[in-house]
Amino acid sequence: MDRDEILKALAHPVRIEILAKLKDPAAHFSAQTHPLDHGVCAGQFQSCGLSQSTVSAHLAALQRAGLVTTHKIGQWVFYKRDEKTIAAFLEDLGTTL
């Protein structure tokens, strides 16, 4: 876990919003045709008013920080929260501060 990389990723409110929506994908991405067990397809975030390039940049930052994992099926990439990393970060933050 790279605390600095995570803090950089969380410094942007859109990335926090993406993580919040990924916490309950059924509530936010019910229109997705693929099963949500795979994660949320990057294209689903465009419904949030973001361009494809903006979505890609935000998801890449979250992935670099280890906050999301990816799963590729065909041409689609699906994203899920990495709950283990998020929990470790929150525990580290709680003990450090």
C-alpha atoms as a PDB file:
ATOM      1  CA  MET A   1       0.000   0.000   0.000  1.00  0.00           C
ATOM      2  CA  ASP A   2       1.387   3.381  -1.051  1.00  0.00           C
ATOM      3  CA  ARG A   3      -0.208   5.917   1.277  1.00  0.00           C
ATOM      4  CA  ASP A   4       1.037   8.905  -0.730  1.00  0.00           C
ATOM      5  CA  GLU A   5      -0.347   7.520  -3.989  1.00  0.00           C
ATOM      6  CA  ILE A   6      -3.700   6.847  -2.330  1.00  0.00           C
ATOM      7  CA  LEU A   7      -3.837  10.350  -0.868  1.00  0.00           C
ATOM      8  CA  LYS A   8      -3.096  11.821  -4.312  1.00  0.00           C
ATOM      9  CA  ALA A   9      -5.855   9.717  -5.845  1.00  0.00           C
ATOM     10  CA  LEU A  10      -8.343  10.773  -3.167  1.00  0.00           C
ATOM     11  CA  ALA A  11      -7.462  14.455  -3.589  1.00  0.00           C
ATOM     12  CA  HIS A  12      -9.916  14.739  -6.488  1.00  0.00           C
ATOM     13  CA  PRO A  13     -13.629  14.768  -5.584  1.00  0.00           C
ATOM     14  CA  VAL A  14     -14.627  12.871  -8.734  1.00  0.00           C
ATOM     15  CA  ARG A  15     -12.439   9.938  -7.704  1.00  0.00           C
ATOM     16  CA  ILE A  16     -14.067   9.857  -4.294  1.00  0.00           C
ATOM     17  CA  GLU A  17     -17.451   9.896  -6.037  1.00  0.00           C
ATOM     18  CA  ILE A  18     -16.381   7.000  -8.281  1.00  0.00           C
ATOM     19  CA  LEU A  19     -15.294   4.955  -5.248  1.00  0.00           C
ATOM     20  CA  ALA A  20     -18.549   5.784  -3.461  1.00  0.00           C
ATOM     21  CA  LYS A  21     -20.593   4.607  -6.446  1.00  0.00           C
ATOM     22  CA  LEU A  22     -18.508   1.447  -6.761  1.00  0.00           C
ATOM     23  CA  LYS A  23     -19.341   0.643  -3.141  1.00  0.00           C
ATOM     24  CA  ASP A  24     -22.936  -0.116  -4.203  1.00  0.00           C
ATOM     25  CA  PRO A  25     -22.829  -0.735  -7.959  1.00  0.00           C
ATOM     26  CA  ALA A  26     -26.384  -2.114  -8.123  1.00  0.00           C
ATOM     27  CA  ALA A  27     -27.741   1.231  -6.921  1.00  0.00           C
ATOM     28  CA  HIS A  28     -25.725   3.303  -9.382  1.00  0.00           C
ATOM     29  CA  PHE A  29     -25.124   1.135 -12.448  1.00  0.00           C
ATOM     30  CA  SER A  30     -28.287  -0.915 -12.818  1.00  0.00           C
ATOM     31  CA  ALA A  31     -28.353  -0.204 -16.569  1.00  0.00           C
ATOM     32  CA  GLN A  32     -25.182  -2.227 -17.143  1.00  0.00           C
ATOM     33  CA  THR A  33     -25.928  -5.267 -19.289  1.00  0.00           C
ATOM     34  CA  HIS A  34     -22.992  -7.343 -18.004  1.00  0.00           C
ATOM     35  CA  PRO A  35     -23.270  -8.874 -14.522  1.00  0.00           C
ATOM     36  CA  LEU A  36     -22.053  -6.497 -11.829  1.00  0.00           C
ATOM     37  CA  ASP A  37     -20.088  -9.403 -10.319  1.00  0.00           C
ATOM     38  CA  HIS A  38     -17.451  -8.622 -12.954  1.00  0.00           C
ATOM     39  CA  GLY A  39     -17.324  -5.012 -11.787  1.00  0.00           C
ATOM     40  CA  VAL A  40     -18.493  -1.845 -13.499  1.00  0.00           C
ATOM     41  CA  CYS A  41     -17.582  -1.227 -17.123  1.00  0.00           C
ATOM     42  CA  ALA A  42     -15.680   2.019 -17.642  1.00  0.00           C
ATOM     43  CA  GLY A  43     -18.306   3.154 -20.151  1.00  0.00           C
ATOM     44  CA  GLN A  44     -20.935   3.232 -17.401  1.00  0.00           C
ATOM     45  CA  PHE A  45     -19.237   6.219 -15.782  1.00  0.00           C
ATOM     46  CA  GLN A  46     -19.957   8.371 -18.826  1.00  0.00           C
ATOM     47  CA  SER A  47     -23.559   8.454 -17.671  1.00  0.00           C
ATOM     48  CA  CYS A  48     -22.231  10.586 -14.800  1.00  0.00           C
ATOM     49  CA  GLY A  49     -21.524  13.377 -17.273  1.00  0.00           C
ATOM     50  CA  LEU A  50     -17.835  12.601 -17.738  1.00  0.00           C
ATOM     51  CA  SER A  51     -16.060  12.169 -21.064  1.00  0.00           C
ATOM     52  CA  GLN A  52     -14.369   8.880 -21.877  1.00  0.00           C
ATOM     53  CA  SER A  53     -10.894  10.389 -21.553  1.00  0.00           C
ATOM     54  CA  THR A  54     -11.737  11.948 -18.179  1.00  0.00           C
ATOM     55  CA  VAL A  55     -13.155   8.672 -16.889  1.00  0.00           C
ATOM     56  CA  SER A  56     -10.064   6.806 -18.084  1.00  0.00           C
ATOM     57  CA  ALA A  57      -7.727   9.246 -16.343  1.00  0.00           C
ATOM     58  CA  HIS A  58      -9.617   9.024 -13.045  1.00  0.00           C
ATOM     59  CA  LEU A  59      -9.859   5.232 -13.148  1.00  0.00           C
ATOM     60  CA  ALA A  60      -6.146   4.987 -13.982  1.00  0.00           C
ATOM     61  CA  ALA A  61      -5.283   7.122 -10.951  1.00  0.00           C
ATOM     62  CA  LEU A  62      -7.440   4.915  -8.726  1.00  0.00           C
ATOM     63  CA  GLN A  63      -5.840   1.802 -10.189  1.00  0.00           C
ATOM     64  CA  ARG A  64      -2.283   3.148  -9.698  1.00  0.00           C
ATOM     65  CA  ALA A  65      -3.172   3.802  -6.070  1.00  0.00           C
ATOM     66  CA  GLY A  66      -4.450   0.241  -5.702  1.00  0.00           C
ATOM     67  CA  LEU A  67      -7.962   1.375  -4.800  1.00  0.00           C
ATOM     68  CA  VAL A  68      -9.602  -0.477  -7.695  1.00  0.00           C
ATOM     69  CA  THR A  69      -8.920  -3.720  -9.498  1.00  0.00           C
ATOM     70  CA  THR A  70      -9.613  -4.469 -13.135  1.00  0.00           C
ATOM     71  CA  HIS A  71     -10.996  -7.443 -14.971  1.00  0.00           C
ATOM     72  CA  LYS A  72     -10.943  -7.516 -18.756  1.00  0.00           C
ATOM     73  CA  ILE A  73     -13.549  -9.419 -20.744  1.00  0.00           C
ATOM     74  CA  GLY A  74     -13.174  -9.059 -24.486  1.00  0.00           C
ATOM     75  CA  GLN A  75     -12.878  -5.371 -25.271  1.00  0.00           C
ATOM     76  CA  TRP A  76     -14.378  -4.235 -21.965  1.00  0.00           C
ATOM     77  CA  VAL A  77     -12.558  -3.434 -18.748  1.00  0.00           C
ATOM     78  CA  PHE A  78     -14.488  -3.757 -15.500  1.00  0.00           C
ATOM     79  CA  TYR A  79     -13.578  -2.006 -12.254  1.00  0.00           C
ATOM     80  CA  LYS A  80     -14.172  -3.005  -8.637  1.00  0.00           C
ATOM     81  CA  ARG A  81     -13.101  -1.449  -5.378  1.00  0.00           C
ATOM     82  CA  ASP A  82     -10.156  -3.183  -3.731  1.00  0.00           C
ATOM     83  CA  GLU A  83     -11.678  -3.482  -0.280  1.00  0.00           C
ATOM     84  CA  LYS A  84      -8.518  -4.998   1.214  1.00  0.00           C
ATOM     85  CA  THR A  85      -6.390  -1.994   0.207  1.00  0.00           C
ATOM     86  CA  ILE A  86      -9.081   0.476   1.277  1.00  0.00           C
ATOM     87  CA  ALA A  87      -9.341  -1.186   4.700  1.00  0.00           C
ATOM     88  CA  ALA A  88      -5.559  -1.231   5.124  1.00  0.00           C
ATOM     89  CA  PHE A  89      -5.361   2.458   4.198  1.00  0.00           C
ATOM     90  CA  LEU A  90      -8.122   3.411   6.637  1.00  0.00           C
ATOM     91  CA  GLU A  91      -6.459   1.402   9.422  1.00  0.00           C
ATOM     92  CA  ASP A  92      -3.088   3.001   8.670  1.00  0.00           C
ATOM     93  CA  LEU A  93      -4.644   6.442   8.632  1.00  0.00           C
ATOM     94  CA  GLY A  94      -6.396   5.763  11.942  1.00  0.00           C
ATOM     95  CA  THR A  95      -3.203   4.689  13.654  1.00  0.00           C
ATOM     96  CA  THR A  96      -0.992   7.335  12.058  1.00  0.00           C
ATOM     97  CA  LEU A  97      -3.129  10.358  12.814  1.00  0.00           C
END
